């Protein structure tokens, strides 16, 4: 009877030790999986952060290009306006030169006319 009890006790203790070992193994496995998940989550966060940064750089460079294009358009418009003004002034001077060509007495006024055109 004592042998049977001792055998049962040894068997129960062995089984409980085996189950505890398996339990600790499962707990370690769960912890390692949690660590791997945490590492993956951190990696995904880094990748998404890099993507957001790249998108911001792309957006900023796109905005910069738009701003440069607007500045160039404004400069072009102002140059075009200046060209129109200079063309008008040249046409006025040609008109006064034609007047002097038709009537040589008007040459005395040519300098004043040209000065007035250039002052406008």
PDB file of N, CA and C in Angstrom:
ATOM      1  N   UNK A   1       0.817  -1.180   0.000  1.00  0.00           N
ATOM      2  CA  UNK A   1       0.000   0.000   0.000  1.00  0.00           C
ATOM      3  C   UNK A   1       0.870   1.257   0.000  1.00  0.00           C
ATOM      4  N   UNK A   2       1.887   1.266   0.817  1.00  0.00           N
ATOM      5  CA  UNK A   2       2.781   2.410   0.833  1.00  0.00           C
ATOM      6  C   UNK A   2       3.485   2.563  -0.521  1.00  0.00           C
ATOM      7  N   UNK A   3       3.806   1.420  -1.103  1.00  0.00           N
ATOM      8  CA  UNK A   3       4.438   1.514  -2.412  1.00  0.00           C
ATOM      9  C   UNK A   3       3.499   2.133  -3.435  1.00  0.00           C
ATOM     10  N   UNK A   4       2.265   1.776  -3.374  1.00  0.00           N
ATOM     11  CA  UNK A   4       1.269   2.325  -4.304  1.00  0.00           C
ATOM     12  C   UNK A   4       1.115   3.824  -4.062  1.00  0.00           C
ATOM     13  N   UNK A   5       1.022   4.203  -2.788  1.00  0.00           N
ATOM     14  CA  UNK A   5       0.902   5.631  -2.458  1.00  0.00           C
ATOM     15  C   UNK A   5       2.136   6.411  -2.915  1.00  0.00           C
ATOM     16  N   UNK A   6       3.294   5.822  -2.692  1.00  0.00           N
ATOM     17  CA  UNK A   6       4.528   6.494  -3.100  1.00  0.00           C
ATOM     18  C   UNK A   6       4.574   6.599  -4.635  1.00  0.00           C
ATOM     19  N   UNK A   7       4.157   5.565  -5.297  1.00  0.00           N
ATOM     20  CA  UNK A   7       4.131   5.583  -6.758  1.00  0.00           C
ATOM     21  C   UNK A   7       3.152   6.635  -7.265  1.00  0.00           C
ATOM     22  N   UNK A   8       1.994   6.693  -6.664  1.00  0.00           N
ATOM     23  CA  UNK A   8       0.993   7.697  -7.062  1.00  0.00           C
ATOM     24  C   UNK A   8       1.530   9.106  -6.778  1.00  0.00           C
ATOM     25  N   UNK A   9       2.131   9.267  -5.626  1.00  0.00           N
ATOM     26  CA  UNK A   9       2.677  10.570  -5.260  1.00  0.00           C
ATOM     27  C   UNK A   9       3.789  10.989  -6.213  1.00  0.00           C
ATOM     28  N   UNK A  10       4.654  10.067  -6.553  1.00  0.00           N
ATOM     29  CA  UNK A  10       5.745  10.371  -7.498  1.00  0.00           C
ATOM     30  C   UNK A  10       5.170  10.690  -8.877  1.00  0.00           C
ATOM     31  N   UNK A  11       4.184   9.923  -9.291  1.00  0.00           N
ATOM     32  CA  UNK A  11       3.556  10.154 -10.595  1.00  0.00           C
ATOM     33  C   UNK A  11       2.881  11.519 -10.642  1.00  0.00           C
ATOM     34  N   UNK A  12       2.139  11.854  -9.589  1.00  0.00           N
ATOM     35  CA  UNK A  12       1.447  13.152  -9.533  1.00  0.00           C
ATOM     36  C   UNK A  12       2.460  14.294  -9.514  1.00  0.00           C
ATOM     37  N   UNK A  13       3.514  14.139  -8.716  1.00  0.00           N
ATOM     38  CA  UNK A  13       4.507  15.204  -8.646  1.00  0.00           C
ATOM     39  C   UNK A  13       5.244  15.347  -9.985  1.00  0.00           C
ATOM     40  N   UNK A  14       5.537  14.195 -10.629  1.00  0.00           N
ATOM     41  CA  UNK A  14       6.198  14.244 -11.926  1.00  0.00           C
ATOM     42  C   UNK A  14       5.308  14.931 -12.959  1.00  0.00           C
ATOM     43  N   UNK A  15       4.036  14.567 -12.946  1.00  0.00           N
ATOM     44  CA  UNK A  15       3.088  15.189 -13.888  1.00  0.00           C
ATOM     45  C   UNK A  15       2.945  16.676 -13.618  1.00  0.00           C
ATOM     46  N   UNK A  16       2.890  17.021 -12.343  1.00  0.00           N
ATOM     47  CA  UNK A  16       2.743  18.442 -12.032  1.00  0.00           C
ATOM     48  C   UNK A  16       3.998  19.214 -12.422  1.00  0.00           C
ATOM     49  N   UNK A  17       5.175  18.581 -12.261  1.00  0.00           N
ATOM     50  CA  UNK A  17       6.419  19.228 -12.683  1.00  0.00           C
ATOM     51  C   UNK A  17       6.434  19.382 -14.196  1.00  0.00           C
ATOM     52  N   UNK A  18       6.004  18.371 -14.884  1.00  0.00           N
ATOM     53  CA  UNK A  18       5.969  18.432 -16.337  1.00  0.00           C
ATOM     54  C   UNK A  18       5.028  19.538 -16.799  1.00  0.00           C
ATOM     55  N   UNK A  19       3.863  19.603 -16.170  1.00  0.00           N
ATOM     56  CA  UNK A  19       2.899  20.641 -16.520  1.00  0.00           C
ATOM     57  C   UNK A  19       3.446  22.026 -16.193  1.00  0.00           C
ATOM     58  N   UNK A  20       4.145  22.139 -15.061  1.00  0.00           N
ATOM     59  CA  UNK A  20       4.725  23.445 -14.719  1.00  0.00           C
ATOM     60  C   UNK A  20       5.794  23.839 -15.725  1.00  0.00           C
ATOM     61  N   UNK A  21       6.615  22.887 -16.124  1.00  0.00           N
ATOM     62  CA  UNK A  21       7.646  23.170 -17.115  1.00  0.00           C
ATOM     63  C   UNK A  21       7.006  23.600 -18.425  1.00  0.00           C
ATOM     64  N   UNK A  22       5.976  22.870 -18.808  1.00  0.00           N
ATOM     65  CA  UNK A  22       5.267  23.224 -20.036  1.00  0.00           C
ATOM     66  C   UNK A  22       4.614  24.604 -19.898  1.00  0.00           C
ATOM     67  N   UNK A  23       4.084  24.879 -18.717  1.00  0.00           N
ATOM     68  CA  UNK A  23       3.458  26.177 -18.470  1.00  0.00           C
ATOM     69  C   UNK A  23       4.494  27.293 -18.574  1.00  0.00           C
ATOM     70  N   UNK A  24       5.661  27.073 -17.945  1.00  0.00           N
ATOM     71  CA  UNK A  24       6.714  28.086 -18.032  1.00  0.00           C
ATOM     72  C   UNK A  24       7.199  28.243 -19.462  1.00  0.00           C
ATOM     73  N   UNK A  25       7.273  27.147 -20.176  1.00  0.00           N
ATOM     74  CA  UNK A  25       7.673  27.200 -21.582  1.00  0.00           C
ATOM     75  C   UNK A  25       6.659  28.018 -22.380  1.00  0.00           C
ATOM     76  N   UNK A  26       5.371  27.763 -22.148  1.00  0.00           N
ATOM     77  CA  UNK A  26       4.326  28.522 -22.842  1.00  0.00           C
ATOM     78  C   UNK A  26       4.387  29.996 -22.462  1.00  0.00           C
ATOM     79  N   UNK A  27       4.640  30.267 -21.181  1.00  0.00           N
ATOM     80  CA  UNK A  27       4.730  31.656 -20.740  1.00  0.00           C
ATOM     81  C   UNK A  27       5.912  32.354 -21.414  1.00  0.00           C
ATOM     82  N   UNK A  28       7.057  31.660 -21.513  1.00  0.00           N
ATOM     83  CA  UNK A  28       8.217  32.218 -22.205  1.00  0.00           C
ATOM     84  C   UNK A  28       7.914  32.440 -23.684  1.00  0.00           C
ATOM     85  N   UNK A  29       7.211  31.485 -24.271  1.00  0.00           N
ATOM     86  CA  UNK A  29       6.833  31.610 -25.669  1.00  0.00           C
ATOM     87  C   UNK A  29       5.935  32.828 -25.879  1.00  0.00           C
ATOM     88  N   UNK A  30       4.977  32.998 -24.992  1.00  0.00           N
ATOM     89  CA  UNK A  30       4.071  34.158 -25.088  1.00  0.00           C
ATOM     90  C   UNK A  30       4.856  35.457 -24.945  1.00  0.00           C
ATOM     91  N   UNK A  31       5.794  35.503 -23.986  1.00  0.00           N
ATOM     92  CA  UNK A  31       6.610  36.710 -23.795  1.00  0.00           C
ATOM     93  C   UNK A  31       7.455  36.999 -25.024  1.00  0.00           C
ATOM     94  N   UNK A  32       8.057  35.956 -25.606  1.00  0.00           N
ATOM     95  CA  UNK A  32       8.889  36.187 -26.796  1.00  0.00           C
ATOM     96  C   UNK A  32       8.026  36.646 -27.967  1.00  0.00           C
ATOM     97  N   UNK A  33       6.825  36.082 -28.101  1.00  0.00           N
ATOM     98  CA  UNK A  33       5.915  36.536 -29.163  1.00  0.00           C
ATOM     99  C   UNK A  33       5.488  37.979 -28.940  1.00  0.00           C
ATOM    100  N   UNK A  34       5.242  38.351 -27.677  1.00  0.00           N
ATOM    101  CA  UNK A  34       4.888  39.734 -27.370  1.00  0.00           C
ATOM    102  C   UNK A  34       6.049  40.668 -27.723  1.00  0.00           C
ATOM    103  N   UNK A  35       7.272  40.238 -27.426  1.00  0.00           N
ATOM    104  CA  UNK A  35       8.442  41.051 -27.785  1.00  0.00           C
ATOM    105  C   UNK A  35       8.569  41.217 -29.292  1.00  0.00           C
ATOM    106  N   UNK A  36       8.372  40.126 -30.017  1.00  0.00           N
ATOM    107  CA  UNK A  36       8.432  40.193 -31.470  1.00  0.00           C
ATOM    108  C   UNK A  36       7.349  41.111 -32.022  1.00  0.00           C
ATOM    109  N   UNK A  37       6.155  41.029 -31.444  1.00  0.00           N
ATOM    110  CA  UNK A  37       5.064  41.912 -31.871  1.00  0.00           C
ATOM    111  C   UNK A  37       5.419  43.370 -31.586  1.00  0.00           C
ATOM    112  N   UNK A  38       6.025  43.612 -30.430  1.00  0.00           N
ATOM    113  CA  UNK A  38       6.427  44.967 -30.068  1.00  0.00           C
ATOM    114  C   UNK A  38       7.484  45.485 -31.048  1.00  0.00           C
ATOM    115  N   UNK A  39       8.444  44.611 -31.398  1.00  0.00           N
ATOM    116  CA  UNK A  39       9.482  44.994 -32.354  1.00  0.00           C
ATOM    117  C   UNK A  39       8.869  45.289 -33.720  1.00  0.00           C
ATOM    118  N   UNK A  40       7.944  44.429 -34.159  1.00  0.00           N
ATOM    119  CA  UNK A  40       7.262  44.658 -35.435  1.00  0.00           C
ATOM    120  C   UNK A  40       6.475  45.957 -35.415  1.00  0.00           C
ATOM    121  N   UNK A  41       5.794  46.206 -34.317  1.00  0.00           N
ATOM    122  CA  UNK A  41       5.013  47.438 -34.186  1.00  0.00           C
ATOM    123  C   UNK A  41       5.930  48.657 -34.251  1.00  0.00           C
ATOM    124  N   UNK A  42       7.082  48.595 -33.566  1.00  0.00           N
ATOM    125  CA  UNK A  42       8.048  49.689 -33.621  1.00  0.00           C
ATOM    126  C   UNK A  42       8.587  49.883 -35.033  1.00  0.00           C
ATOM    127  N   UNK A  43       8.860  48.769 -35.713  1.00  0.00           N
ATOM    128  CA  UNK A  43       9.357  48.856 -37.093  1.00  0.00           C
ATOM    129  C   UNK A  43       8.320  49.494 -38.005  1.00  0.00           C
ATOM    130  N   UNK A  44       7.075  49.078 -37.849  1.00  0.00           N
ATOM    131  CA  UNK A  44       5.989  49.656 -38.664  1.00  0.00           C
ATOM    132  C   UNK A  44       5.854  51.143 -38.365  1.00  0.00           C
ATOM    133  N   UNK A  45       5.960  51.502 -37.085  1.00  0.00           N
ATOM    134  CA  UNK A  45       5.872  52.906 -36.708  1.00  0.00           C
ATOM    135  C   UNK A  45       7.003  53.697 -37.352  1.00  0.00           C
ATOM    136  N   UNK A  46       8.224  53.128 -37.345  1.00  0.00           N
ATOM    137  CA  UNK A  46       9.351  53.807 -37.984  1.00  0.00           C
ATOM    138  C   UNK A  46       9.134  53.971 -39.478  1.00  0.00           C
ATOM    139  N   UNK A  47       8.652  52.910 -40.127  1.00  0.00           N
ATOM    140  CA  UNK A  47       8.411  52.976 -41.572  1.00  0.00           C
ATOM    141  C   UNK A  47       7.337  54.013 -41.880  1.00  0.00           C
ATOM    142  N   UNK A  48       6.258  53.989 -41.111  1.00  0.00           N
ATOM    143  CA  UNK A  48       5.192  54.972 -41.332  1.00  0.00           C
ATOM    144  C   UNK A  48       5.694  56.383 -41.064  1.00  0.00           C
ATOM    145  N   UNK A  49       6.540  56.543 -40.053  1.00  0.00           N
ATOM    146  CA  UNK A  49       7.124  57.846 -39.765  1.00  0.00           C
ATOM    147  C   UNK A  49       7.986  58.325 -40.918  1.00  0.00           C
ATOM    148  N   UNK A  50       8.794  57.407 -41.481  1.00  0.00           N
ATOM    149  CA  UNK A  50       9.621  57.758 -42.636  1.00  0.00           C
ATOM    150  C   UNK A  50       8.757  58.124 -43.834  1.00  0.00           C
ATOM    151  N   UNK A  51       7.678  57.362 -44.034  1.00  0.00           N
ATOM    152  CA  UNK A  51       6.770  57.671 -45.146  1.00  0.00           C
ATOM    153  C   UNK A  51       6.144  59.045 -44.955  1.00  0.00           C
ATOM    154  N   UNK A  52       5.730  59.350 -43.733  1.00  0.00           N
ATOM    155  CA  UNK A  52       5.128  60.656 -43.453  1.00  0.00           C
ATOM    156  C   UNK A  52       6.153  61.753 -43.673  1.00  0.00           C
ATOM    157  N   UNK A  53       7.396  61.521 -43.258  1.00  0.00           N
ATOM    158  CA  UNK A  53       8.445  62.507 -43.448  1.00  0.00           C
ATOM    159  C   UNK A  53       8.722  62.718 -44.928  1.00  0.00           C
ATOM    160  N   UNK A  54       8.805  61.615 -45.687  1.00  0.00           N
ATOM    161  CA  UNK A  54       9.024  61.726 -47.125  1.00  0.00           C
ATOM    162  C   UNK A  54       7.870  62.459 -47.790  1.00  0.00           C
ATOM    163  N   UNK A  55       6.652  62.165 -47.349  1.00  0.00           N
ATOM    164  CA  UNK A  55       5.488  62.838 -47.915  1.00  0.00           C
ATOM    165  C   UNK A  55       5.540  64.330 -47.597  1.00  0.00           C
ATOM    166  N   UNK A  56       5.961  64.677 -46.380  1.00  0.00           N
ATOM    167  CA  UNK A  56       6.074  66.082 -45.991  1.00  0.00           C
ATOM    168  C   UNK A  56       7.145  66.771 -46.831  1.00  0.00           C
ATOM    169  N   UNK A  57       8.286  66.096 -47.029  1.00  0.00           N
ATOM    170  CA  UNK A  57       9.352  66.668 -47.855  1.00  0.00           C
ATOM    171  C   UNK A  57       8.849  66.861 -49.277  1.00  0.00           C
ATOM    172  N   UNK A  58       8.135  65.860 -49.811  1.00  0.00           N
ATOM    173  CA  UNK A  58       7.572  65.966 -51.156  1.00  0.00           C
ATOM    174  C   UNK A  58       6.585  67.114 -51.229  1.00  0.00           C
ATOM    175  N   UNK A  59       5.700  67.208 -50.220  1.00  0.00           N
ATOM    176  CA  UNK A  59       4.713  68.273 -50.200  1.00  0.00           C
ATOM    177  C   UNK A  59       5.396  69.630 -50.087  1.00  0.00           C
ATOM    178  N   UNK A  60       6.402  69.737 -49.209  1.00  0.00           N
ATOM    179  CA  UNK A  60       7.123  70.999 -49.053  1.00  0.00           C
ATOM    180  C   UNK A  60       7.832  71.385 -50.339  1.00  0.00           C
ATOM    181  N   UNK A  61       8.458  70.412 -51.019  1.00  0.00           N
ATOM    182  CA  UNK A  61       9.154  70.726 -52.262  1.00  0.00           C
ATOM    183  C   UNK A  61       8.154  71.110 -53.343  1.00  0.00           C
ATOM    184  N   UNK A  62       6.989  70.476 -53.331  1.00  0.00           N
ATOM    185  CA  UNK A  62       5.952  70.824 -54.297  1.00  0.00           C
ATOM    186  C   UNK A  62       5.460  72.243 -54.047  1.00  0.00           C
ATOM    187  N   UNK A  63       5.259  72.595 -52.772  1.00  0.00           N
ATOM    188  CA  UNK A  63       4.844  73.953 -52.428  1.00  0.00           C
ATOM    189  C   UNK A  63       5.925  74.954 -52.806  1.00  0.00           C
ATOM    190  N   UNK A  64       7.164  74.595 -52.586  1.00  0.00           N
ATOM    191  CA  UNK A  64       8.283  75.463 -52.933  1.00  0.00           C
ATOM    192  C   UNK A  64       8.316  75.712 -54.438  1.00  0.00           C
ATOM    193  N   UNK A  65       8.109  74.659 -55.207  1.00  0.00           N
ATOM    194  CA  UNK A  65       8.081  74.800 -56.674  1.00  0.00           C
ATOM    195  C   UNK A  65       6.928  75.698 -57.090  1.00  0.00           C
ATOM    196  N   UNK A  66       5.761  75.526 -56.473  1.00  0.00           N
ATOM    197  CA  UNK A  66       4.619  76.384 -56.801  1.00  0.00           C
ATOM    198  C   UNK A  66       4.922  77.841 -56.479  1.00  0.00           C
ATOM    199  N   UNK A  67       5.552  78.075 -55.321  1.00  0.00           N
ATOM    200  CA  UNK A  67       5.904  79.444 -54.943  1.00  0.00           C
ATOM    201  C   UNK A  67       6.897  80.049 -55.933  1.00  0.00           C
ATOM    202  N   UNK A  68       7.893  79.272 -56.327  1.00  0.00           N
ATOM    203  CA  UNK A  68       8.879  79.758 -57.299  1.00  0.00           C
ATOM    204  C   UNK A  68       8.204  80.068 -58.634  1.00  0.00           C
ATOM    205  N   UNK A  69       7.268  79.208 -59.039  1.00  0.00           N
ATOM    206  CA  UNK A  69       6.558  79.448 -60.295  1.00  0.00           C
ATOM    207  C   UNK A  69       5.732  80.734 -60.212  1.00  0.00           C
ATOM    208  N   UNK A  70       5.091  80.964 -59.063  1.00  0.00           N
ATOM    209  CA  UNK A  70       4.319  82.203 -58.888  1.00  0.00           C
ATOM    210  C   UNK A  70       5.219  83.418 -58.941  1.00  0.00           C
ATOM    211  N   UNK A  71       6.380  83.334 -58.289  1.00  0.00           N
ATOM    212  CA  UNK A  71       7.326  84.460 -58.314  1.00  0.00           C
ATOM    213  C   UNK A  71       7.789  84.726 -59.743  1.00  0.00           C
ATOM    214  N   UNK A  72       8.127  83.653 -60.466  1.00  0.00           N
ATOM    215  CA  UNK A  72       8.560  83.820 -61.859  1.00  0.00           C
ATOM    216  C   UNK A  72       7.450  84.401 -62.728  1.00  0.00           C
ATOM    217  N   UNK A  73       6.218  83.973 -62.498  1.00  0.00           N
ATOM    218  CA  UNK A  73       5.086  84.514 -63.260  1.00  0.00           C
ATOM    219  C   UNK A  73       4.912  86.001 -62.984  1.00  0.00           C
ATOM    220  N   UNK A  74       5.038  86.389 -61.707  1.00  0.00           N
ATOM    221  CA  UNK A  74       4.931  87.802 -61.364  1.00  0.00           C
ATOM    222  C   UNK A  74       6.041  88.610 -62.028  1.00  0.00           C
ATOM    223  N   UNK A  75       7.265  88.073 -62.022  1.00  0.00           N
ATOM    224  CA  UNK A  75       8.381  88.768 -62.671  1.00  0.00           C
ATOM    225  C   UNK A  75       8.146  88.872 -64.173  1.00  0.00           C
ATOM    226  N   UNK A  76       7.654  87.776 -64.766  1.00  0.00           N
ATOM    227  CA  UNK A  76       7.372  87.789 -66.201  1.00  0.00           C
ATOM    228  C   UNK A  76       6.306  88.835 -66.517  1.00  0.00           C
ATOM    229  N   UNK A  77       5.241  88.870 -65.701  1.00  0.00           N
ATOM    230  CA  UNK A  77       4.183  89.847 -65.927  1.00  0.00           C
ATOM    231  C   UNK A  77       4.707  91.274 -65.797  1.00  0.00           C
ATOM    232  N   UNK A  78       5.564  91.500 -64.798  1.00  0.00           N
ATOM    233  CA  UNK A  78       6.102  92.852 -64.623  1.00  0.00           C
ATOM    234  C   UNK A  78       7.040  93.206 -65.775  1.00  0.00           C
ATOM    235  N   UNK A  79       7.835  92.224 -66.254  1.00  0.00           N
ATOM    236  CA  UNK A  79       8.700  92.483 -67.408  1.00  0.00           C
ATOM    237  C   UNK A  79       7.876  92.742 -68.668  1.00  0.00           C
ATOM    238  N   UNK A  80       6.814  91.989 -68.804  1.00  0.00           N
ATOM    239  CA  UNK A  80       5.936  92.187 -69.959  1.00  0.00           C
ATOM    240  C   UNK A  80       5.321  93.585 -69.913  1.00  0.00           C
ATOM    241  N   UNK A  81       4.948  94.019 -68.708  1.00  0.00           N
ATOM    242  CA  UNK A  81       4.396  95.359 -68.533  1.00  0.00           C
ATOM    243  C   UNK A  81       5.448  96.422 -68.873  1.00  0.00           C
ATOM    244  N   UNK A  82       6.678  96.199 -68.399  1.00  0.00           N
ATOM    245  CA  UNK A  82       7.756  97.133 -68.721  1.00  0.00           C
ATOM    246  C   UNK A  82       8.028  97.172 -70.220  1.00  0.00           C
ATOM    247  N   UNK A  83       7.977  96.024 -70.875  1.00  0.00           N
ATOM    248  CA  UNK A  83       8.173  95.980 -72.324  1.00  0.00           C
ATOM    249  C   UNK A  83       7.070  96.756 -73.040  1.00  0.00           C
ATOM    250  N   UNK A  84       5.849  96.618 -72.552  1.00  0.00           N
ATOM    251  CA  UNK A  84       4.742  97.373 -73.141  1.00  0.00           C
ATOM    252  C   UNK A  84       4.960  98.874 -72.976  1.00  0.00           C
ATOM    253  N   UNK A  85       5.398  99.270 -71.802  1.00  0.00           N
ATOM    254  CA  UNK A  85       5.660 100.694 -71.543  1.00  0.00           C
ATOM    255  C   UNK A  85       6.792 101.191 -72.438  1.00  0.00           C
ATOM    256  N   UNK A  86       7.879 100.405 -72.524  1.00  0.00           N
ATOM    257  CA  UNK A  86       9.006 100.821 -73.363  1.00  0.00           C
ATOM    258  C   UNK A  86       8.625 100.864 -74.842  1.00  0.00           C
ATOM    259  N   UNK A  87       7.792  99.923 -75.265  1.00  0.00           N
ATOM    260  CA  UNK A  87       7.311  99.949 -76.648  1.00  0.00           C
ATOM    261  C   UNK A  87       6.491 101.209 -76.898  1.00  0.00           C
ATOM    262  N   UNK A  88       5.642 101.564 -75.958  1.00  0.00           N
ATOM    263  CA  UNK A  88       4.848 102.795 -76.073  1.00  0.00           C
ATOM    264  C   UNK A  88       5.767 104.015 -76.171  1.00  0.00           C
ATOM    265  N   UNK A  89       6.794 104.061 -75.310  1.00  0.00           N
ATOM    266  CA  UNK A  89       7.709 105.207 -75.322  1.00  0.00           C
ATOM    267  C   UNK A  89       8.460 105.299 -76.645  1.00  0.00           C
ATOM    268  N   UNK A  90       8.922 104.154 -77.153  1.00  0.00           N
ATOM    269  CA  UNK A  90       9.613 104.161 -78.449  1.00  0.00           C
ATOM    270  C   UNK A  90       8.685 104.620 -79.566  1.00  0.00           C
ATOM    271  N   UNK A  91       7.439 104.184 -79.525  1.00  0.00           N
ATOM    272  CA  UNK A  91       6.472 104.616 -80.546  1.00  0.00           C
ATOM    273  C   UNK A  91       6.248 106.120 -80.477  1.00  0.00           C
ATOM    274  N   UNK A  92       6.170 106.678 -79.255  1.00  0.00           N
ATOM    275  CA  UNK A  92       6.001 108.133 -79.112  1.00  0.00           C
ATOM    276  C   UNK A  92       7.216 108.881 -79.656  1.00  0.00           C
ATOM    277  N   UNK A  93       8.426 108.380 -79.350  1.00  0.00           N
ATOM    278  CA  UNK A  93       9.638 109.035 -79.853  1.00  0.00           C
ATOM    279  C   UNK A  93       9.692 108.962 -81.375  1.00  0.00           C
ATOM    280  N   UNK A  94       9.323 107.804 -81.966  1.00  0.00           N
ATOM    281  CA  UNK A  94       9.262 107.680 -83.426  1.00  0.00           C
ATOM    282  C   UNK A  94       8.277 108.691 -84.020  1.00  0.00           C
ATOM    283  N   UNK A  95       7.152 108.855 -83.332  1.00  0.00           N
ATOM    284  CA  UNK A  95       6.139 109.828 -83.788  1.00  0.00           C
ATOM    285  C   UNK A  95       6.732 111.239 -83.827  1.00  0.00           C
ATOM    286  N   UNK A  96       7.462 111.622 -82.767  1.00  0.00           N
ATOM    287  CA  UNK A  96       8.060 112.958 -82.722  1.00  0.00           C
ATOM    288  C   UNK A  96       9.176 113.106 -83.758  1.00  0.00           C
ATOM    289  N   UNK A  97       9.934 112.032 -83.993  1.00  0.00           N
ATOM    290  CA  UNK A  97      10.978 112.068 -85.022  1.00  0.00           C
ATOM    291  C   UNK A  97      10.337 112.244 -86.398  1.00  0.00           C
ATOM    292  N   UNK A  98       9.205 111.577 -86.641  1.00  0.00           N
ATOM    293  CA  UNK A  98       8.486 111.743 -87.918  1.00  0.00           C
ATOM    294  C   UNK A  98       8.000 113.173 -88.093  1.00  0.00           C
ATOM    295  N   UNK A  99       7.516 113.779 -86.994  1.00  0.00           N
ATOM    296  CA  UNK A  99       7.084 115.181 -87.057  1.00  0.00           C
ATOM    297  C   UNK A  99       8.262 116.061 -87.484  1.00  0.00           C
ATOM    298  N   UNK A 100       9.434 115.819 -86.875  1.00  0.00           N
ATOM    299  CA  UNK A 100      10.622 116.618 -87.209  1.00  0.00           C
ATOM    300  C   UNK A 100      11.090 116.352 -88.635  1.00  0.00           C
ATOM    301  N   UNK A 101      10.896 115.114 -89.116  1.00  0.00           N
ATOM    302  CA  UNK A 101      11.302 114.791 -90.477  1.00  0.00           C
ATOM    303  C   UNK A 101      10.424 115.530 -91.490  1.00  0.00           C
ATOM    304  N   UNK A 102       9.154 115.700 -91.152  1.00  0.00           N
ATOM    305  CA  UNK A 102       8.233 116.390 -92.050  1.00  0.00           C
ATOM    306  C   UNK A 102       8.425 117.902 -92.006  1.00  0.00           C
ATOM    307  N   UNK A 103       8.749 118.394 -90.807  1.00  0.00           N
ATOM    308  CA  UNK A 103       8.903 119.849 -90.641  1.00  0.00           C
ATOM    309  C   UNK A 103      10.168 120.097 -89.824  1.00  0.00           C
ATOM    310  N   UNK A 104      11.202 120.556 -90.481  1.00  0.00           N
ATOM    311  CA  UNK A 104      12.496 120.718 -89.827  1.00  0.00           C
ATOM    312  C   UNK A 104      12.482 121.800 -88.749  1.00  0.00           C
ATOM    313  N   UNK A 105      11.500 122.700 -88.746  1.00  0.00           N
ATOM    314  CA  UNK A 105      11.409 123.747 -87.729  1.00  0.00           C
ATOM    315  C   UNK A 105      11.057 123.147 -86.348  1.00  0.00           C
ATOM    316  N   UNK A 106      10.475 121.942 -86.338  1.00  0.00           N
ATOM    317  CA  UNK A 106      10.056 121.296 -85.080  1.00  0.00           C
ATOM    318  C   UNK A 106      11.226 120.654 -84.327  1.00  0.00           C
ATOM    319  N   UNK A 107      12.423 120.587 -84.951  1.00  0.00           N
ATOM    320  CA  UNK A 107      13.579 119.964 -84.318  1.00  0.00           C
ATOM    321  C   UNK A 107      13.947 120.649 -83.011  1.00  0.00           C
ATOM    322  N   UNK A 108      13.637 121.925 -82.873  1.00  0.00           N
ATOM    323  CA  UNK A 108      13.959 122.640 -81.627  1.00  0.00           C
ATOM    324  C   UNK A 108      13.166 122.069 -80.444  1.00  0.00           C
ATOM    325  N   UNK A 109      12.004 121.452 -80.711  1.00  0.00           N
ATOM    326  CA  UNK A 109      11.162 120.914 -79.636  1.00  0.00           C
ATOM    327  C   UNK A 109      11.438 119.412 -79.350  1.00  0.00           C
ATOM    328  N   UNK A 110      12.208 118.758 -80.238  1.00  0.00           N
ATOM    329  CA  UNK A 110      12.411 117.311 -80.146  1.00  0.00           C
ATOM    330  C   UNK A 110      13.012 116.895 -78.801  1.00  0.00           C
ATOM    331  N   UNK A 111      14.018 117.621 -78.331  1.00  0.00           N
ATOM    332  CA  UNK A 111      14.657 117.263 -77.065  1.00  0.00           C
ATOM    333  C   UNK A 111      13.632 117.313 -75.923  1.00  0.00           C
ATOM    334  N   UNK A 112      12.804 118.312 -75.857  1.00  0.00           N
ATOM    335  CA  UNK A 112      11.782 118.424 -74.804  1.00  0.00           C
ATOM    336  C   UNK A 112      10.750 117.315 -74.896  1.00  0.00           C
ATOM    337  N   UNK A 113      10.343 116.991 -76.112  1.00  0.00           N
ATOM    338  CA  UNK A 113       9.359 115.915 -76.281  1.00  0.00           C
ATOM    339  C   UNK A 113       9.924 114.564 -75.794  1.00  0.00           C
ATOM    340  N   UNK A 114      11.175 114.324 -76.188  1.00  0.00           N
ATOM    341  CA  UNK A 114      11.804 113.054 -75.771  1.00  0.00           C
ATOM    342  C   UNK A 114      11.954 113.018 -74.250  1.00  0.00           C
ATOM    343  N   UNK A 115      12.378 114.146 -73.655  1.00  0.00           N
ATOM    344  CA  UNK A 115      12.533 114.197 -72.200  1.00  0.00           C
ATOM    345  C   UNK A 115      11.192 113.937 -71.508  1.00  0.00           C
ATOM    346  N   UNK A 116      10.096 114.496 -72.022  1.00  0.00           N
ATOM    347  CA  UNK A 116       8.777 114.291 -71.450  1.00  0.00           C
ATOM    348  C   UNK A 116       8.332 112.830 -71.562  1.00  0.00           C
ATOM    349  N   UNK A 117       8.633 112.203 -72.704  1.00  0.00           N
ATOM    350  CA  UNK A 117       8.279 110.788 -72.892  1.00  0.00           C
ATOM    351  C   UNK A 117       9.022 109.921 -71.873  1.00  0.00           C
ATOM    352  N   UNK A 118      10.297 110.204 -71.666  1.00  0.00           N
ATOM    353  CA  UNK A 118      11.108 109.381 -70.758  1.00  0.00           C
ATOM    354  C   UNK A 118      10.749 109.610 -69.292  1.00  0.00           C
ATOM    355  N   UNK A 119      10.150 110.757 -68.958  1.00  0.00           N
ATOM    356  CA  UNK A 119       9.778 111.037 -67.576  1.00  0.00           C
ATOM    357  C   UNK A 119       8.477 110.337 -67.172  1.00  0.00           C
ATOM    358  N   UNK A 120       7.650 109.965 -68.112  1.00  0.00           N
ATOM    359  CA  UNK A 120       6.366 109.335 -67.790  1.00  0.00           C
ATOM    360  C   UNK A 120       6.536 107.958 -67.255  1.00  0.00           C
TER     361      UNK A 120
END
